[in-house]
Amino acid sequence: MEVYDQNGNRCYNNVPCPKTWLAESILSTIFCCLPFGIVGIVYAAQVSSNYHAGRYEEAERASKNAGKWTKISFFCGLAVYLIYILIYAIAGVSILSLAALDY
């Protein structure tokens, strides 16, 4: 979102701070996927510092990257949990079938 003053110079007075994704990044780091979550935290920390320094395009870019890495972390963690559950389900069925053969 670009706003211009009377002289044609860019003004950022009315630009809201982009979403930081910090809370989501921390939660996805703890519960989902540590490496990708850390990348999300790094980008999330850059959002507010860039915004307050007046680098609004960089803040917007950092927000998009933080969201991307947080979502990647979440879905990778979800995939690992599903694979883990699937392996235990298969192991449980095979153990039950082996126990049934013993009788």
PDB file of N, CA and C in Angstrom:
ATOM      1  N   MET A   1       0.840  -1.152   0.000  1.00  0.00           N
ATOM      2  CA  MET A   1       0.000   0.000   0.000  1.00  0.00           C
ATOM      3  C   MET A   1       0.898   1.232   0.000  1.00  0.00           C
ATOM      4  N   GLU A   2       0.837   1.985  -1.050  1.00  0.00           N
ATOM      5  CA  GLU A   2       1.671   3.166  -1.170  1.00  0.00           C
ATOM      6  C   GLU A   2       0.803   4.417  -1.092  1.00  0.00           C
ATOM      7  N   VAL A   3       1.231   5.367  -0.271  1.00  0.00           N
ATOM      8  CA  VAL A   3       0.536   6.631  -0.106  1.00  0.00           C
ATOM      9  C   VAL A   3       1.526   7.734  -0.476  1.00  0.00           C
ATOM     10  N   TYR A   4       1.069   8.710  -1.254  1.00  0.00           N
ATOM     11  CA  TYR A   4       1.934   9.795  -1.705  1.00  0.00           C
ATOM     12  C   TYR A   4       1.436  11.121  -1.152  1.00  0.00           C
ATOM     13  N   ASP A   5       2.378  12.022  -0.846  1.00  0.00           N
ATOM     14  CA  ASP A   5       2.001  13.355  -0.398  1.00  0.00           C
ATOM     15  C   ASP A   5       1.830  14.280  -1.599  1.00  0.00           C
ATOM     16  N   GLN A   6       1.681  15.583  -1.343  1.00  0.00           N
ATOM     17  CA  GLN A   6       1.426  16.543  -2.418  1.00  0.00           C
ATOM     18  C   GLN A   6       2.596  16.663  -3.386  1.00  0.00           C
ATOM     19  N   ASN A   7       3.804  16.418  -2.915  1.00  0.00           N
ATOM     20  CA  ASN A   7       4.992  16.542  -3.760  1.00  0.00           C
ATOM     21  C   ASN A   7       5.323  15.255  -4.514  1.00  0.00           C
ATOM     22  N   GLY A   8       4.552  14.228  -4.327  1.00  0.00           N
ATOM     23  CA  GLY A   8       4.809  12.961  -5.004  1.00  0.00           C
ATOM     24  C   GLY A   8       5.749  12.047  -4.244  1.00  0.00           C
ATOM     25  N   ASN A   9       6.090  12.401  -3.011  1.00  0.00           N
ATOM     26  CA  ASN A   9       6.951  11.554  -2.189  1.00  0.00           C
ATOM     27  C   ASN A   9       6.102  10.515  -1.472  1.00  0.00           C
ATOM     28  N   ARG A  10       6.692   9.333  -1.268  1.00  0.00           N
ATOM     29  CA  ARG A  10       5.964   8.290  -0.564  1.00  0.00           C
ATOM     30  C   ARG A  10       5.838   8.610   0.911  1.00  0.00           C
ATOM     31  N   CYS A  11       4.656   8.366   1.460  1.00  0.00           N
ATOM     32  CA  CYS A  11       4.394   8.540   2.888  1.00  0.00           C
ATOM     33  C   CYS A  11       3.896   7.213   3.441  1.00  0.00           C
ATOM     34  N   TYR A  12       4.320   6.899   4.635  1.00  0.00           N
ATOM     35  CA  TYR A  12       3.928   5.636   5.252  1.00  0.00           C
ATOM     36  C   TYR A  12       3.182   5.856   6.563  1.00  0.00           C
ATOM     37  N   ASN A  13       2.667   7.025   6.777  1.00  0.00           N
ATOM     38  CA  ASN A  13       2.036   7.324   8.053  1.00  0.00           C
ATOM     39  C   ASN A  13       0.805   6.468   8.315  1.00  0.00           C
ATOM     40  N   ASN A  14       0.105   6.085   7.281  1.00  0.00           N
ATOM     41  CA  ASN A  14      -1.138   5.347   7.456  1.00  0.00           C
ATOM     42  C   ASN A  14      -0.980   3.846   7.242  1.00  0.00           C
ATOM     43  N   VAL A  15       0.237   3.367   7.111  1.00  0.00           N
ATOM     44  CA  VAL A  15       0.455   1.953   6.834  1.00  0.00           C
ATOM     45  C   VAL A  15       0.443   1.174   8.147  1.00  0.00           C
ATOM     46  N   PRO A  16      -0.459   0.190   8.279  1.00  0.00           N
ATOM     47  CA  PRO A  16      -0.477  -0.609   9.510  1.00  0.00           C
ATOM     48  C   PRO A  16       0.680  -1.608   9.518  1.00  0.00           C
ATOM     49  N   CYS A  17       1.056  -2.009  10.701  1.00  0.00           N
ATOM     50  CA  CYS A  17       2.133  -2.996  10.836  1.00  0.00           C
ATOM     51  C   CYS A  17       1.633  -4.348  10.324  1.00  0.00           C
ATOM     52  N   PRO A  18       2.430  -5.028   9.496  1.00  0.00           N
ATOM     53  CA  PRO A  18       2.026  -6.358   9.021  1.00  0.00           C
ATOM     54  C   PRO A  18       1.983  -7.366  10.175  1.00  0.00           C
ATOM     55  N   LYS A  19       1.284  -8.435   9.952  1.00  0.00           N
ATOM     56  CA  LYS A  19       1.190  -9.490  10.966  1.00  0.00           C
ATOM     57  C   LYS A  19       2.580 -10.049  11.238  1.00  0.00           C
ATOM     58  N   THR A  20       2.917 -10.233  12.509  1.00  0.00           N
ATOM     59  CA  THR A  20       4.267 -10.680  12.853  1.00  0.00           C
ATOM     60  C   THR A  20       4.420 -12.201  12.834  1.00  0.00           C
ATOM     61  N   TRP A  21       3.381 -12.950  13.079  1.00  0.00           N
ATOM     62  CA  TRP A  21       3.413 -14.407  13.125  1.00  0.00           C
ATOM     63  C   TRP A  21       4.278 -14.939  14.266  1.00  0.00           C
ATOM     64  N   LEU A  22       4.599 -14.119  15.258  1.00  0.00           N
ATOM     65  CA  LEU A  22       5.518 -14.548  16.303  1.00  0.00           C
ATOM     66  C   LEU A  22       4.925 -15.644  17.185  1.00  0.00           C
ATOM     67  N   ALA A  23       3.702 -15.463  17.642  1.00  0.00           N
ATOM     68  CA  ALA A  23       3.085 -16.473  18.513  1.00  0.00           C
ATOM     69  C   ALA A  23       2.913 -17.795  17.765  1.00  0.00           C
ATOM     70  N   GLU A  24       2.468 -17.714  16.522  1.00  0.00           N
ATOM     71  CA  GLU A  24       2.284 -18.922  15.730  1.00  0.00           C
ATOM     72  C   GLU A  24       3.620 -19.623  15.469  1.00  0.00           C
ATOM     73  N   SER A  25       4.656 -18.841  15.238  1.00  0.00           N
ATOM     74  CA  SER A  25       5.979 -19.419  14.984  1.00  0.00           C
ATOM     75  C   SER A  25       6.516 -20.124  16.219  1.00  0.00           C
ATOM     76  N   ILE A  26       6.318 -19.510  17.375  1.00  0.00           N
ATOM     77  CA  ILE A  26       6.783 -20.137  18.614  1.00  0.00           C
ATOM     78  C   ILE A  26       6.036 -21.436  18.873  1.00  0.00           C
ATOM     79  N   LEU A  27       4.723 -21.424  18.687  1.00  0.00           N
ATOM     80  CA  LEU A  27       3.939 -22.642  18.910  1.00  0.00           C
ATOM     81  C   LEU A  27       4.293 -23.740  17.921  1.00  0.00           C
ATOM     82  N   SER A  28       4.505 -23.377  16.664  1.00  0.00           N
ATOM     83  CA  SER A  28       4.873 -24.400  15.687  1.00  0.00           C
ATOM     84  C   SER A  28       6.283 -24.929  15.938  1.00  0.00           C
ATOM     85  N   THR A  29       7.145 -24.106  16.509  1.00  0.00           N
ATOM     86  CA  THR A  29       8.479 -24.581  16.864  1.00  0.00           C
ATOM     87  C   THR A  29       8.407 -25.579  18.009  1.00  0.00           C
ATOM     88  N   ILE A  30       7.592 -25.284  18.992  1.00  0.00           N
ATOM     89  CA  ILE A  30       7.490 -26.163  20.163  1.00  0.00           C
ATOM     90  C   ILE A  30       6.786 -27.469  19.819  1.00  0.00           C
ATOM     91  N   PHE A  31       5.677 -27.393  19.096  1.00  0.00           N
ATOM     92  CA  PHE A  31       4.836 -28.566  18.907  1.00  0.00           C
ATOM     93  C   PHE A  31       5.002 -29.273  17.564  1.00  0.00           C
ATOM     94  N   CYS A  32       5.586 -28.632  16.579  1.00  0.00           N
ATOM     95  CA  CYS A  32       5.585 -29.231  15.250  1.00  0.00           C
ATOM     96  C   CYS A  32       6.984 -29.560  14.749  1.00  0.00           C
ATOM     97  N   CYS A  33       7.672 -28.592  14.218  1.00  0.00           N
ATOM     98  CA  CYS A  33       8.938 -28.867  13.550  1.00  0.00           C
ATOM     99  C   CYS A  33       9.948 -27.795  13.943  1.00  0.00           C
ATOM    100  N   LEU A  34      10.931 -28.188  14.724  1.00  0.00           N
ATOM    101  CA  LEU A  34      11.882 -27.240  15.291  1.00  0.00           C
ATOM    102  C   LEU A  34      12.667 -26.438  14.259  1.00  0.00           C
ATOM    103  N   PRO A  35      13.299 -27.046  13.259  1.00  0.00           N
ATOM    104  CA  PRO A  35      14.137 -26.238  12.348  1.00  0.00           C
ATOM    105  C   PRO A  35      13.350 -25.195  11.556  1.00  0.00           C
ATOM    106  N   PHE A  36      12.219 -25.576  10.992  1.00  0.00           N
ATOM    107  CA  PHE A  36      11.435 -24.634  10.202  1.00  0.00           C
ATOM    108  C   PHE A  36      10.772 -23.581  11.094  1.00  0.00           C
ATOM    109  N   GLY A  37      10.407 -23.964  12.303  1.00  0.00           N
ATOM    110  CA  GLY A  37       9.824 -23.015  13.235  1.00  0.00           C
ATOM    111  C   GLY A  37      10.806 -21.937  13.650  1.00  0.00           C
ATOM    112  N   ILE A  38      12.075 -22.307  13.799  1.00  0.00           N
ATOM    113  CA  ILE A  38      13.096 -21.319  14.151  1.00  0.00           C
ATOM    114  C   ILE A  38      13.261 -20.297  13.032  1.00  0.00           C
ATOM    115  N   VAL A  39      13.226 -20.752  11.795  1.00  0.00           N
ATOM    116  CA  VAL A  39      13.298 -19.818  10.667  1.00  0.00           C
ATOM    117  C   VAL A  39      12.106 -18.869  10.709  1.00  0.00           C
ATOM    118  N   GLY A  40      10.939 -19.394  11.036  1.00  0.00           N
ATOM    119  CA  GLY A  40       9.754 -18.547  11.167  1.00  0.00           C
ATOM    120  C   GLY A  40       9.892 -17.523  12.277  1.00  0.00           C
ATOM    121  N   ILE A  41      10.501 -17.908  13.395  1.00  0.00           N
ATOM    122  CA  ILE A  41      10.714 -16.974  14.499  1.00  0.00           C
ATOM    123  C   ILE A  41      11.666 -15.859  14.087  1.00  0.00           C
ATOM    124  N   VAL A  42      12.712 -16.213  13.362  1.00  0.00           N
ATOM    125  CA  VAL A  42      13.682 -15.205  12.924  1.00  0.00           C
ATOM    126  C   VAL A  42      13.005 -14.166  12.032  1.00  0.00           C
ATOM    127  N   TYR A  43      12.227 -14.630  11.061  1.00  0.00           N
ATOM    128  CA  TYR A  43      11.521 -13.684  10.193  1.00  0.00           C
ATOM    129  C   TYR A  43      10.466 -12.899  10.963  1.00  0.00           C
ATOM    130  N   ALA A  44       9.789 -13.543  11.909  1.00  0.00           N
ATOM    131  CA  ALA A  44       8.765 -12.847  12.692  1.00  0.00           C
ATOM    132  C   ALA A  44       9.371 -11.733  13.535  1.00  0.00           C
ATOM    133  N   ALA A  45      10.567 -11.954  14.034  1.00  0.00           N
ATOM    134  CA  ALA A  45      11.232 -10.919  14.824  1.00  0.00           C
ATOM    135  C   ALA A  45      11.639  -9.732  13.964  1.00  0.00           C
ATOM    136  N   GLN A  46      11.866  -9.964  12.691  1.00  0.00           N
ATOM    137  CA  GLN A  46      12.278  -8.891  11.797  1.00  0.00           C
ATOM    138  C   GLN A  46      11.119  -7.980  11.400  1.00  0.00           C
ATOM    139  N   VAL A  47       9.895  -8.459  11.529  1.00  0.00           N
ATOM    140  CA  VAL A  47       8.740  -7.682  11.064  1.00  0.00           C
ATOM    141  C   VAL A  47       8.614  -6.369  11.833  1.00  0.00           C
ATOM    142  N   SER A  48       8.515  -6.447  13.143  1.00  0.00           N
ATOM    143  CA  SER A  48       8.294  -5.221  13.917  1.00  0.00           C
ATOM    144  C   SER A  48       9.523  -4.325  13.922  1.00  0.00           C
ATOM    145  N   SER A  49      10.720  -4.901  13.914  1.00  0.00           N
ATOM    146  CA  SER A  49      11.905  -4.048  13.897  1.00  0.00           C
ATOM    147  C   SER A  49      12.016  -3.292  12.572  1.00  0.00           C
ATOM    148  N   ASN A  50      11.711  -3.959  11.462  1.00  0.00           N
ATOM    149  CA  ASN A  50      11.719  -3.264  10.172  1.00  0.00           C
ATOM    150  C   ASN A  50      10.616  -2.215  10.103  1.00  0.00           C
ATOM    151  N   TYR A  51       9.458  -2.530  10.640  1.00  0.00           N
ATOM    152  CA  TYR A  51       8.338  -1.585  10.614  1.00  0.00           C
ATOM    153  C   TYR A  51       8.678  -0.310  11.385  1.00  0.00           C
ATOM    154  N   HIS A  52       9.220  -0.485  12.588  1.00  0.00           N
ATOM    155  CA  HIS A  52       9.526   0.685  13.413  1.00  0.00           C
ATOM    156  C   HIS A  52      10.736   1.453  12.891  1.00  0.00           C
ATOM    157  N   ALA A  53      11.567   0.819  12.082  1.00  0.00           N
ATOM    158  CA  ALA A  53      12.700   1.512  11.473  1.00  0.00           C
ATOM    159  C   ALA A  53      12.288   2.242  10.200  1.00  0.00           C
ATOM    160  N   GLY A  54      11.042   2.053   9.769  1.00  0.00           N
ATOM    161  CA  GLY A  54      10.556   2.730   8.580  1.00  0.00           C
ATOM    162  C   GLY A  54      10.768   1.959   7.297  1.00  0.00           C
ATOM    163  N   ARG A  55      11.211   0.713   7.407  1.00  0.00           N
ATOM    164  CA  ARG A  55      11.417  -0.127   6.216  1.00  0.00           C
ATOM    165  C   ARG A  55      10.176  -1.002   6.037  1.00  0.00           C
ATOM    166  N   TYR A  56       9.138  -0.408   5.455  1.00  0.00           N
ATOM    167  CA  TYR A  56       7.838  -1.065   5.384  1.00  0.00           C
ATOM    168  C   TYR A  56       7.804  -2.205   4.382  1.00  0.00           C
ATOM    169  N   GLU A  57       8.505  -2.063   3.265  1.00  0.00           N
ATOM    170  CA  GLU A  57       8.531  -3.151   2.286  1.00  0.00           C
ATOM    171  C   GLU A  57       9.249  -4.369   2.868  1.00  0.00           C
ATOM    172  N   GLU A  58      10.333  -4.123   3.604  1.00  0.00           N
ATOM    173  CA  GLU A  58      11.053  -5.236   4.231  1.00  0.00           C
ATOM    174  C   GLU A  58      10.215  -5.877   5.333  1.00  0.00           C
ATOM    175  N   ALA A  59       9.447  -5.070   6.050  1.00  0.00           N
ATOM    176  CA  ALA A  59       8.562  -5.618   7.077  1.00  0.00           C
ATOM    177  C   ALA A  59       7.495  -6.495   6.444  1.00  0.00           C
ATOM    178  N   GLU A  60       6.957  -6.059   5.320  1.00  0.00           N
ATOM    179  CA  GLU A  60       5.945  -6.855   4.614  1.00  0.00           C
ATOM    180  C   GLU A  60       6.550  -8.160   4.096  1.00  0.00           C
ATOM    181  N   ARG A  61       7.750  -8.086   3.562  1.00  0.00           N
ATOM    182  CA  ARG A  61       8.431  -9.281   3.054  1.00  0.00           C
ATOM    183  C   ARG A  61       8.755 -10.250   4.195  1.00  0.00           C
ATOM    184  N   ALA A  62       9.214  -9.719   5.325  1.00  0.00           N
ATOM    185  CA  ALA A  62       9.513 -10.568   6.483  1.00  0.00           C
ATOM    186  C   ALA A  62       8.241 -11.222   7.011  1.00  0.00           C
ATOM    187  N   SER A  63       7.121 -10.501   6.975  1.00  0.00           N
ATOM    188  CA  SER A  63       5.852 -11.073   7.419  1.00  0.00           C
ATOM    189  C   SER A  63       5.420 -12.227   6.516  1.00  0.00           C
ATOM    190  N   LYS A  64       5.575 -12.046   5.221  1.00  0.00           N
ATOM    191  CA  LYS A  64       5.218 -13.130   4.291  1.00  0.00           C
ATOM    192  C   LYS A  64       6.116 -14.339   4.497  1.00  0.00           C
ATOM    193  N   ASN A  65       7.410 -14.111   4.691  1.00  0.00           N
ATOM    194  CA  ASN A  65       8.330 -15.225   4.930  1.00  0.00           C
ATOM    195  C   ASN A  65       8.048 -15.911   6.255  1.00  0.00           C
ATOM    196  N   ALA A  66       7.728 -15.133   7.292  1.00  0.00           N
ATOM    197  CA  ALA A  66       7.397 -15.725   8.589  1.00  0.00           C
ATOM    198  C   ALA A  66       6.150 -16.595   8.483  1.00  0.00           C
ATOM    199  N   GLY A  67       5.146 -16.114   7.774  1.00  0.00           N
ATOM    200  CA  GLY A  67       3.934 -16.910   7.574  1.00  0.00           C
ATOM    201  C   GLY A  67       4.210 -18.176   6.790  1.00  0.00           C
ATOM    202  N   LYS A  68       5.042 -18.053   5.761  1.00  0.00           N
ATOM    203  CA  LYS A  68       5.368 -19.220   4.937  1.00  0.00           C
ATOM    204  C   LYS A  68       6.081 -20.286   5.766  1.00  0.00           C
ATOM    205  N   TRP A  69       7.111 -19.887   6.511  1.00  0.00           N
ATOM    206  CA  TRP A  69       7.876 -20.869   7.283  1.00  0.00           C
ATOM    207  C   TRP A  69       7.094 -21.417   8.463  1.00  0.00           C
ATOM    208  N   THR A  70       6.212 -20.635   9.031  1.00  0.00           N
ATOM    209  CA  THR A  70       5.366 -21.132  10.112  1.00  0.00           C
ATOM    210  C   THR A  70       4.408 -22.192   9.588  1.00  0.00           C
ATOM    211  N   LYS A  71       3.831 -21.945   8.417  1.00  0.00           N
ATOM    212  CA  LYS A  71       2.926 -22.935   7.815  1.00  0.00           C
ATOM    213  C   LYS A  71       3.679 -24.194   7.403  1.00  0.00           C
ATOM    214  N   ILE A  72       4.876 -24.036   6.863  1.00  0.00           N
ATOM    215  CA  ILE A  72       5.694 -25.202   6.505  1.00  0.00           C
ATOM    216  C   ILE A  72       6.000 -26.022   7.750  1.00  0.00           C
ATOM    217  N   SER A  73       6.359 -25.343   8.835  1.00  0.00           N
ATOM    218  CA  SER A  73       6.648 -26.032  10.092  1.00  0.00           C
ATOM    219  C   SER A  73       5.428 -26.794  10.598  1.00  0.00           C
ATOM    220  N   PHE A  74       4.269 -26.147  10.539  1.00  0.00           N
ATOM    221  CA  PHE A  74       3.046 -26.796  11.011  1.00  0.00           C
ATOM    222  C   PHE A  74       2.719 -28.040  10.197  1.00  0.00           C
ATOM    223  N   PHE A  75       2.761 -27.917   8.876  1.00  0.00           N
ATOM    224  CA  PHE A  75       2.366 -29.048   8.045  1.00  0.00           C
ATOM    225  C   PHE A  75       3.402 -30.167   8.061  1.00  0.00           C
ATOM    226  N   CYS A  76       4.672 -29.846   8.198  1.00  0.00           N
ATOM    227  CA  CYS A  76       5.686 -30.903   8.351  1.00  0.00           C
ATOM    228  C   CYS A  76       5.496 -31.641   9.670  1.00  0.00           C
ATOM    229  N   GLY A  77       5.227 -30.900  10.732  1.00  0.00           N
ATOM    230  CA  GLY A  77       4.965 -31.537  12.022  1.00  0.00           C
ATOM    231  C   GLY A  77       3.716 -32.395  11.980  1.00  0.00           C
ATOM    232  N   LEU A  78       2.690 -31.904  11.309  1.00  0.00           N
ATOM    233  CA  LEU A  78       1.458 -32.672  11.172  1.00  0.00           C
ATOM    234  C   LEU A  78       1.701 -33.965  10.393  1.00  0.00           C
ATOM    235  N   ALA A  79       2.484 -33.880   9.332  1.00  0.00           N
ATOM    236  CA  ALA A  79       2.804 -35.071   8.537  1.00  0.00           C
ATOM    237  C   ALA A  79       3.586 -36.088   9.368  1.00  0.00           C
ATOM    238  N   VAL A  80       4.531 -35.614  10.152  1.00  0.00           N
ATOM    239  CA  VAL A  80       5.315 -36.533  10.997  1.00  0.00           C
ATOM    240  C   VAL A  80       4.419 -37.203  12.022  1.00  0.00           C
ATOM    241  N   TYR A  81       3.512 -36.450  12.650  1.00  0.00           N
ATOM    242  CA  TYR A  81       2.595 -37.048  13.621  1.00  0.00           C
ATOM    243  C   TYR A  81       1.686 -38.083  12.960  1.00  0.00           C
ATOM    244  N   LEU A  82       1.194 -37.790  11.763  1.00  0.00           N
ATOM    245  CA  LEU A  82       0.331 -38.755  11.077  1.00  0.00           C
ATOM    246  C   LEU A  82       1.086 -40.023  10.705  1.00  0.00           C
ATOM    247  N   ILE A  83       2.319 -39.879  10.246  1.00  0.00           N
ATOM    248  CA  ILE A  83       3.137 -41.052   9.931  1.00  0.00           C
ATOM    249  C   ILE A  83       3.407 -41.857  11.195  1.00  0.00           C
ATOM    250  N   TYR A  84       3.680 -41.182  12.284  1.00  0.00           N
ATOM    251  CA  TYR A  84       3.927 -41.832  13.570  1.00  0.00           C
ATOM    252  C   TYR A  84       2.707 -42.645  14.006  1.00  0.00           C
ATOM    253  N   ILE A  85       1.526 -42.049  13.901  1.00  0.00           N
ATOM    254  CA  ILE A  85       0.285 -42.749  14.267  1.00  0.00           C
ATOM    255  C   ILE A  85       0.042 -43.932  13.337  1.00  0.00           C
ATOM    256  N   LEU A  86       0.308 -43.746  12.045  1.00  0.00           N
ATOM    257  CA  LEU A  86       0.125 -44.819  11.078  1.00  0.00           C
ATOM    258  C   LEU A  86       1.051 -45.996  11.374  1.00  0.00           C
ATOM    259  N   ILE A  87       2.290 -45.726  11.707  1.00  0.00           N
ATOM    260  CA  ILE A  87       3.237 -46.800  12.034  1.00  0.00           C
ATOM    261  C   ILE A  87       2.785 -47.561  13.274  1.00  0.00           C
ATOM    262  N   TYR A  88       2.341 -46.832  14.304  1.00  0.00           N
ATOM    263  CA  TYR A  88       1.864 -47.514  15.504  1.00  0.00           C
ATOM    264  C   TYR A  88       0.588 -48.301  15.247  1.00  0.00           C
ATOM    265  N   ALA A  89      -0.270 -47.814  14.378  1.00  0.00           N
ATOM    266  CA  ALA A  89      -1.489 -48.563  14.051  1.00  0.00           C
ATOM    267  C   ALA A  89      -1.135 -49.852  13.315  1.00  0.00           C
ATOM    268  N   ILE A  90      -0.221 -49.767  12.377  1.00  0.00           N
ATOM    269  CA  ILE A  90       0.197 -50.969  11.645  1.00  0.00           C
ATOM    270  C   ILE A  90       0.885 -51.953  12.580  1.00  0.00           C
ATOM    271  N   ALA A  91       1.742 -51.434  13.468  1.00  0.00           N
ATOM    272  CA  ALA A  91       2.422 -52.312  14.424  1.00  0.00           C
ATOM    273  C   ALA A  91       1.417 -52.961  15.374  1.00  0.00           C
ATOM    274  N   GLY A  92       0.422 -52.200  15.797  1.00  0.00           N
ATOM    275  CA  GLY A  92      -0.585 -52.759  16.700  1.00  0.00           C
ATOM    276  C   GLY A  92      -1.406 -53.840  16.034  1.00  0.00           C
ATOM    277  N   VAL A  93      -1.781 -53.657  14.786  1.00  0.00           N
ATOM    278  CA  VAL A  93      -2.546 -54.666  14.053  1.00  0.00           C
ATOM    279  C   VAL A  93      -1.700 -55.917  13.847  1.00  0.00           C
ATOM    280  N   SER A  94      -0.429 -55.734  13.526  1.00  0.00           N
ATOM    281  CA  SER A  94       0.423 -56.907  13.296  1.00  0.00           C
ATOM    282  C   SER A  94       0.668 -57.672  14.595  1.00  0.00           C
ATOM    283  N   ILE A  95       0.787 -56.975  15.697  1.00  0.00           N
ATOM    284  CA  ILE A  95       0.968 -57.658  16.972  1.00  0.00           C
ATOM    285  C   ILE A  95      -0.296 -58.419  17.343  1.00  0.00           C
ATOM    286  N   LEU A  96      -1.445 -57.817  17.114  1.00  0.00           N
ATOM    287  CA  LEU A  96      -2.704 -58.505  17.406  1.00  0.00           C
ATOM    288  C   LEU A  96      -2.891 -59.731  16.508  1.00  0.00           C
ATOM    289  N   SER A  97      -2.492 -59.607  15.259  1.00  0.00           N
ATOM    290  CA  SER A  97      -2.640 -60.763  14.384  1.00  0.00           C
ATOM    291  C   SER A  97      -1.654 -61.866  14.751  1.00  0.00           C
ATOM    292  N   LEU A  98      -0.467 -61.543  15.177  1.00  0.00           N
ATOM    293  CA  LEU A  98       0.473 -62.537  15.654  1.00  0.00           C
ATOM    294  C   LEU A  98       0.002 -63.189  16.944  1.00  0.00           C
ATOM    295  N   ALA A  99      -0.617 -62.422  17.819  1.00  0.00           N
ATOM    296  CA  ALA A  99      -1.148 -62.980  19.070  1.00  0.00           C
ATOM    297  C   ALA A  99      -2.314 -63.914  18.764  1.00  0.00           C
ATOM    298  N   ALA A 100      -3.100 -63.644  17.733  1.00  0.00           N
ATOM    299  CA  ALA A 100      -4.219 -64.503  17.388  1.00  0.00           C
ATOM    300  C   ALA A 100      -3.741 -65.824  16.813  1.00  0.00           C
ATOM    301  N   LEU A 101      -2.580 -65.813  16.167  1.00  0.00           N
ATOM    302  CA  LEU A 101      -2.031 -67.046  15.609  1.00  0.00           C
ATOM    303  C   LEU A 101      -1.546 -67.994  16.698  1.00  0.00           C
ATOM    304  N   ASP A 102      -1.166 -67.470  17.857  1.00  0.00           N
ATOM    305  CA  ASP A 102      -0.650 -68.302  18.934  1.00  0.00           C
ATOM    306  C   ASP A 102      -1.751 -69.118  19.602  1.00  0.00           C
ATOM    307  N   TYR A 103      -2.990 -68.696  19.483  1.00  0.00           N
ATOM    308  CA  TYR A 103      -4.075 -69.446  20.118  1.00  0.00           C
ATOM    309  C   TYR A 103      -4.519 -70.505  19.244  1.00  0.00           C
TER     310      TYR A 103
END
